[in-house]
N, C-alpha and C. Protein backbone atom coordinates (compact mmCIF):
# COMPACT_ATOMS: atom_id res chain seq x y z
N MET A 1 100.04 92.45 140.29
CA MET A 1 100.91 92.86 139.16
C MET A 1 101.84 94.10 139.55
N ALA A 2 101.16 94.87 140.50
CA ALA A 2 101.90 95.93 141.25
C ALA A 2 102.84 95.44 142.21
N GLN A 3 102.51 94.37 142.98
CA GLN A 3 103.60 93.78 143.94
C GLN A 3 104.94 93.16 143.27
N ALA A 4 104.60 92.73 142.18
CA ALA A 4 105.70 92.20 141.57
C ALA A 4 106.70 93.09 140.89
N ALA A 5 106.09 94.49 140.62
CA ALA A 5 106.55 95.45 139.99
C ALA A 5 107.64 96.19 141.19
N GLN A 6 106.67 96.33 142.22
CA GLN A 6 107.39 96.72 143.44
C GLN A 6 108.78 96.01 143.77
N ALA A 7 108.41 94.65 144.02
CA ALA A 7 109.68 93.69 144.06
C ALA A 7 110.82 94.05 143.33
N ARG A 8 110.63 94.14 141.81
CA ARG A 8 111.40 94.53 140.84
C ARG A 8 112.29 95.81 141.01
N ILE A 9 111.72 96.64 141.89
CA ILE A 9 112.27 98.15 142.34
C ILE A 9 113.06 97.65 143.37
N SER A 10 112.80 96.85 144.42
CA SER A 10 113.56 96.64 145.73
C SER A 10 114.92 96.04 144.86
N GLU A 11 114.91 95.14 143.76
CA GLU A 11 116.04 94.64 143.08
C GLU A 11 117.17 95.73 142.74
N ARG A 12 116.32 96.50 142.13
CA ARG A 12 117.56 97.66 141.44
C ARG A 12 116.78 98.74 141.72
N ASP A 13 117.92 99.97 141.79
CA ASP A 13 117.23 101.26 141.70
C ASP A 13 116.80 101.89 140.22
N LEU A 14 115.52 101.09 139.93
CA LEU A 14 114.99 101.53 138.49
C LEU A 14 114.56 102.88 138.42
N GLN A 15 114.34 103.60 139.45
CA GLN A 15 113.77 105.10 139.41
C GLN A 15 114.78 105.81 138.81
N THR A 16 116.03 105.43 138.75
CA THR A 16 116.85 106.50 138.07
C THR A 16 116.88 106.23 136.23
N TYR A 17 116.42 104.98 135.67
CA TYR A 17 116.31 104.88 134.85
C TYR A 17 114.77 105.37 134.08
N LEU A 18 113.88 106.07 134.46
CA LEU A 18 112.43 106.03 134.13
C LEU A 18 112.65 107.56 133.20
N VAL A 19 112.25 107.52 131.90
CA VAL A 19 112.23 108.49 131.11
C VAL A 19 111.29 109.23 130.96
N SER A 20 111.10 110.30 130.24
CA SER A 20 109.76 110.78 129.73
C SER A 20 109.19 111.35 128.72
N SER A 21 110.04 109.98 127.84
CA SER A 21 109.60 110.12 126.40
C SER A 21 108.32 108.99 126.12
N PRO A 22 107.90 109.38 124.86
CA PRO A 22 106.83 108.40 124.37
C PRO A 22 107.56 106.85 124.42
N LEU A 23 106.38 105.77 124.52
CA LEU A 23 106.80 104.72 125.04
C LEU A 23 105.72 103.32 124.01
N ALA A 24 106.44 102.46 123.85
CA ALA A 24 105.79 101.23 123.27
C ALA A 24 105.67 100.13 124.01
N ILE A 25 104.40 99.73 124.42
CA ILE A 25 104.34 98.42 125.29
C ILE A 25 103.74 97.22 124.60
N THR A 26 104.67 96.07 124.83
CA THR A 26 104.16 94.84 124.32
C THR A 26 103.64 93.76 125.65
N ILE A 27 102.60 93.12 125.69
CA ILE A 27 102.18 92.51 126.81
C ILE A 27 101.64 90.93 126.00
N TYR A 28 102.61 90.16 126.47
CA TYR A 28 102.07 88.74 126.23
C TYR A 28 101.51 87.84 127.66
N TYR A 29 100.12 87.57 127.12
CA TYR A 29 99.74 86.67 128.61
C TYR A 29 99.37 85.15 128.18
N PHE A 30 100.13 84.32 129.12
CA PHE A 30 100.23 83.08 128.94
C PHE A 30 99.08 82.65 130.18
N PRO A 31 98.17 82.26 130.12
CA PRO A 31 97.02 81.84 130.81
C PRO A 31 97.31 80.34 131.05
N THR A 32 96.75 79.57 131.96
CA THR A 32 96.98 78.21 132.44
C THR A 32 95.78 77.47 131.94
N ALA A 33 94.76 78.20 131.43
CA ALA A 33 93.63 77.34 131.04
C ALA A 33 92.95 78.43 129.86
N PRO A 34 92.06 78.03 129.22
CA PRO A 34 91.35 79.13 128.58
C PRO A 34 90.88 80.10 129.36
N MET A 35 90.91 81.44 128.57
CA MET A 35 90.88 82.79 129.37
C MET A 35 89.15 82.93 129.59
N VAL A 36 88.97 83.74 130.62
CA VAL A 36 87.58 83.81 130.58
C VAL A 36 87.52 85.30 130.64
N GLY A 37 86.83 85.85 129.99
CA GLY A 37 86.65 87.37 130.19
C GLY A 37 87.46 87.72 128.74
N ASP A 38 87.66 88.97 128.48
CA ASP A 38 88.31 90.05 127.60
C ASP A 38 90.04 90.03 127.62
N ILE A 39 90.13 89.83 126.64
CA ILE A 39 91.76 90.37 126.84
C ILE A 39 92.19 91.88 127.26
N ASP A 40 91.07 92.99 126.80
CA ASP A 40 91.59 93.86 127.10
C ASP A 40 91.28 94.47 128.45
N ASN A 41 90.99 93.21 129.44
CA ASN A 41 90.43 93.52 130.78
C ASN A 41 91.92 93.50 131.50
N ILE A 42 93.10 93.02 130.88
CA ILE A 42 93.86 92.86 131.71
C ILE A 42 95.18 93.97 131.26
N ILE A 43 94.72 94.53 130.30
CA ILE A 43 95.61 95.90 129.93
C ILE A 43 95.98 97.03 131.08
N LYS A 44 94.86 97.46 131.40
CA LYS A 44 95.04 98.46 132.58
C LYS A 44 95.48 98.16 133.62
N PRO A 45 95.23 97.16 134.58
CA PRO A 45 95.70 96.72 135.55
C PRO A 45 97.26 96.77 135.46
N ILE A 46 97.83 96.22 134.43
CA ILE A 46 99.38 96.04 134.07
C ILE A 46 99.88 97.21 133.85
N MET A 47 99.40 97.96 133.13
CA MET A 47 100.01 99.72 132.77
C MET A 47 99.85 100.39 134.12
N ASP A 48 98.87 100.42 134.85
CA ASP A 48 98.62 100.94 136.11
C ASP A 48 99.81 100.74 136.95
N ALA A 49 100.03 98.96 137.11
CA ALA A 49 101.01 98.72 138.07
C ALA A 49 102.30 99.20 137.77
N LEU A 50 103.11 99.63 136.29
CA LEU A 50 104.22 99.89 136.14
C LEU A 50 104.53 101.48 136.06
N ILE A 51 103.32 102.32 136.53
CA ILE A 51 103.74 104.02 136.74
C ILE A 51 104.43 103.75 138.05
N GLY A 52 105.66 104.72 137.71
CA GLY A 52 106.75 104.69 138.66
C GLY A 52 107.78 103.65 138.65
N VAL A 53 107.67 102.80 137.80
CA VAL A 53 108.31 101.42 137.73
C VAL A 53 109.28 101.49 136.35
N ALA A 54 108.32 101.65 135.47
CA ALA A 54 108.86 101.62 134.00
C ALA A 54 108.85 102.85 133.15
N TYR A 55 107.83 103.40 133.85
CA TYR A 55 107.74 105.07 133.50
C TYR A 55 106.71 105.88 134.07
N ILE A 56 107.23 107.10 134.16
CA ILE A 56 106.45 108.12 134.93
C ILE A 56 104.83 108.12 134.82
N ASP A 57 104.18 108.19 133.82
CA ASP A 57 103.12 108.13 133.70
C ASP A 57 102.52 107.24 132.34
N ASP A 58 101.25 106.67 132.65
CA ASP A 58 101.13 106.04 131.49
C ASP A 58 100.57 106.66 130.31
N GLN A 59 100.15 107.69 130.55
CA GLN A 59 100.01 108.75 129.34
C GLN A 59 101.09 108.76 128.36
N MET A 60 102.27 108.22 128.79
CA MET A 60 103.42 108.24 127.63
C MET A 60 103.55 107.27 126.71
N VAL A 61 102.15 106.31 127.14
CA VAL A 61 102.33 105.17 126.29
C VAL A 61 101.65 105.59 125.10
N GLU A 62 102.31 105.45 123.88
CA GLU A 62 101.51 105.29 122.70
C GLU A 62 101.01 104.36 122.05
N MET A 63 101.63 103.16 122.06
CA MET A 63 101.19 101.95 121.32
C MET A 63 101.47 100.78 122.36
N VAL A 64 100.21 100.17 122.41
CA VAL A 64 99.91 98.92 123.28
C VAL A 64 99.68 97.49 122.14
N THR A 65 100.57 96.67 122.37
CA THR A 65 100.52 95.29 121.44
C THR A 65 100.04 94.43 122.35
N VAL A 66 99.17 93.54 122.57
CA VAL A 66 98.78 92.53 123.69
C VAL A 66 98.39 91.15 122.75
N GLN A 67 98.89 90.20 123.35
CA GLN A 67 98.26 88.92 122.60
C GLN A 67 98.55 87.70 123.93
N LYS A 68 97.21 87.03 123.83
CA LYS A 68 97.35 85.89 124.84
C LYS A 68 97.83 84.41 124.04
N PHE A 69 98.31 83.55 124.77
CA PHE A 69 98.94 82.36 124.38
C PHE A 69 98.20 81.27 125.05
N GLU A 70 97.41 80.84 124.71
CA GLU A 70 96.13 79.87 125.66
C GLU A 70 96.91 78.61 125.37
N PRO A 71 96.79 77.43 126.60
CA PRO A 71 97.40 76.47 126.54
C PRO A 71 96.90 75.49 125.07
N GLU A 72 96.06 75.48 125.03
CA GLU A 72 95.36 74.29 124.18
C GLU A 72 95.51 74.89 122.54
N VAL A 73 95.80 76.08 122.39
CA VAL A 73 95.88 76.69 121.04
C VAL A 73 97.61 76.46 120.55
N GLY A 74 97.80 76.03 119.53
CA GLY A 74 99.15 75.82 119.01
C GLY A 74 99.74 77.16 118.45
N TRP A 75 100.92 77.48 119.02
CA TRP A 75 101.38 78.44 118.84
C TRP A 75 102.85 78.51 119.14
N GLU A 76 103.44 79.77 118.22
CA GLU A 76 104.97 79.56 118.13
C GLU A 76 105.44 80.84 118.50
N ILE A 77 106.54 81.29 119.26
CA ILE A 77 107.27 82.59 119.03
C ILE A 77 108.65 82.38 118.36
N THR A 78 108.81 83.30 117.24
CA THR A 78 110.24 82.92 116.60
C THR A 78 111.04 83.99 117.21
N SER A 79 110.87 84.98 117.49
CA SER A 79 111.69 85.88 118.09
C SER A 79 111.48 86.15 119.41
N ARG A 80 112.66 85.66 120.04
CA ARG A 80 112.75 85.51 121.45
C ARG A 80 114.01 86.55 122.56
N SER A 81 113.35 87.25 123.41
CA SER A 81 114.22 88.11 123.87
C SER A 81 115.02 86.74 125.43
N GLU A 82 115.90 87.36 126.03
CA GLU A 82 116.41 86.58 126.91
C GLU A 82 115.09 86.40 127.96
N GLN A 83 114.33 87.54 128.28
CA GLN A 83 113.38 87.55 129.45
C GLN A 83 112.17 86.68 129.21
N LEU A 84 111.83 86.61 127.59
CA LEU A 84 111.01 86.08 127.24
C LEU A 84 111.44 84.56 127.28
N VAL A 85 112.40 84.20 127.14
CA VAL A 85 112.80 82.92 127.26
C VAL A 85 112.73 82.09 128.62
N LEU A 86 113.35 83.11 129.68
CA LEU A 86 112.91 82.84 131.08
C LEU A 86 111.25 82.58 131.14
N ALA A 87 110.54 83.35 130.50
CA ALA A 87 109.10 83.45 130.91
C ALA A 87 108.57 82.12 130.60
N LEU A 88 108.82 81.88 129.30
CA LEU A 88 108.30 80.43 128.72
C LEU A 88 109.15 79.21 129.12
N ASP A 89 110.56 79.16 129.71
CA ASP A 89 110.95 78.24 130.46
C ASP A 89 110.08 77.85 131.91
N ARG A 90 109.66 78.92 132.49
CA ARG A 90 108.60 79.10 133.61
C ARG A 90 107.54 78.32 133.49
N ILE A 91 107.01 78.68 132.41
CA ILE A 91 105.91 78.00 132.04
C ILE A 91 106.04 76.38 131.66
N ASN A 92 106.91 76.23 131.12
CA ASN A 92 107.38 74.70 130.62
C ASN A 92 107.86 73.87 132.09
N ALA A 93 108.34 74.54 132.86
CA ALA A 93 109.32 73.85 133.93
C ALA A 93 107.99 73.39 135.07
N SER A 94 107.11 74.39 134.86
CA SER A 94 106.22 74.07 136.23
C SER A 94 105.32 73.18 136.14
N GLU A 95 105.25 72.30 137.30
CA GLU A 95 104.28 71.49 137.59
C GLU A 95 102.99 71.86 138.11
N ALA A 96 102.90 72.95 138.51
CA ALA A 96 101.56 73.51 139.04
C ALA A 96 101.65 74.87 138.42
N PRO A 97 101.37 74.94 137.23
CA PRO A 97 101.58 76.17 136.46
C PRO A 97 100.90 77.38 136.98
N THR A 98 101.36 78.45 136.69
CA THR A 98 100.47 79.67 137.13
C THR A 98 100.72 80.58 135.97
N PRO A 99 99.61 81.57 135.77
CA PRO A 99 99.57 82.22 134.84
C PRO A 99 100.87 83.28 134.27
N VAL A 100 101.58 83.63 133.27
CA VAL A 100 102.77 84.29 133.00
C VAL A 100 102.27 85.52 132.19
N VAL A 101 102.62 86.62 132.86
CA VAL A 101 102.73 87.69 132.00
C VAL A 101 103.99 88.49 131.54
N TYR A 102 104.43 88.65 130.27
CA TYR A 102 105.69 88.79 129.77
C TYR A 102 105.33 90.55 129.29
N VAL A 103 105.96 91.37 130.07
CA VAL A 103 105.78 92.77 129.29
C VAL A 103 107.17 93.49 128.69
N HIS A 104 107.37 93.96 127.66
CA HIS A 104 108.38 94.55 127.04
C HIS A 104 107.99 96.24 126.51
N ILE A 105 108.99 96.78 127.38
CA ILE A 105 108.54 98.24 126.93
C ILE A 105 109.65 98.85 126.21
N ALA A 106 109.35 99.77 125.30
CA ALA A 106 110.29 100.07 124.36
C ALA A 106 110.26 101.70 123.99
N ASP A 107 111.46 102.39 123.79
CA ASP A 107 111.15 103.90 123.34
C ASP A 107 111.53 103.68 121.74
N ASP A 108 111.50 102.68 121.09
CA ASP A 108 111.50 102.86 119.68
C ASP A 108 110.13 102.88 118.86
N LEU A 109 110.25 104.27 118.64
CA LEU A 109 108.74 104.73 118.09
C LEU A 109 108.94 104.89 116.52
N SER A 110 109.71 104.17 115.59
CA SER A 110 110.09 103.99 114.46
C SER A 110 109.07 104.00 113.45
N TRP A 111 107.56 103.70 114.11
CA TRP A 111 106.53 103.64 113.26
C TRP A 111 105.81 104.91 113.04
N ARG A 112 106.48 105.74 113.57
CA ARG A 112 105.95 107.10 113.82
C ARG A 112 106.36 107.71 112.58
N ARG A 113 105.68 108.20 111.96
CA ARG A 113 105.95 109.60 110.69
C ARG A 113 106.73 110.61 111.49
N ARG A 114 107.97 111.12 110.47
CA ARG A 114 108.49 112.19 111.29
C ARG A 114 107.82 113.52 110.76
């Protein structure tokens, strides 16, 4: 995950976009087979890999939403961003599928009481 994040930095100068405000993260994990282990074991490595890439420090993250989508379980995602569509296309087009991780980071904390 850290290598993928660093490659993304190489594509763009993302450091200029880092903010110091509270954030929320959504993580969708698409394994290629039934997941061995607990879903909470994938959260920390992903969040750590995004330090300096998506946020200054992972202490800024106030909310984390995580869901796994195992291939043998029927599921449907009704609200799809452009990036999520690309991730799903990658899963469907691959003859030798690899796990896909979709991460969405938002500064919309409308759920907070003022």
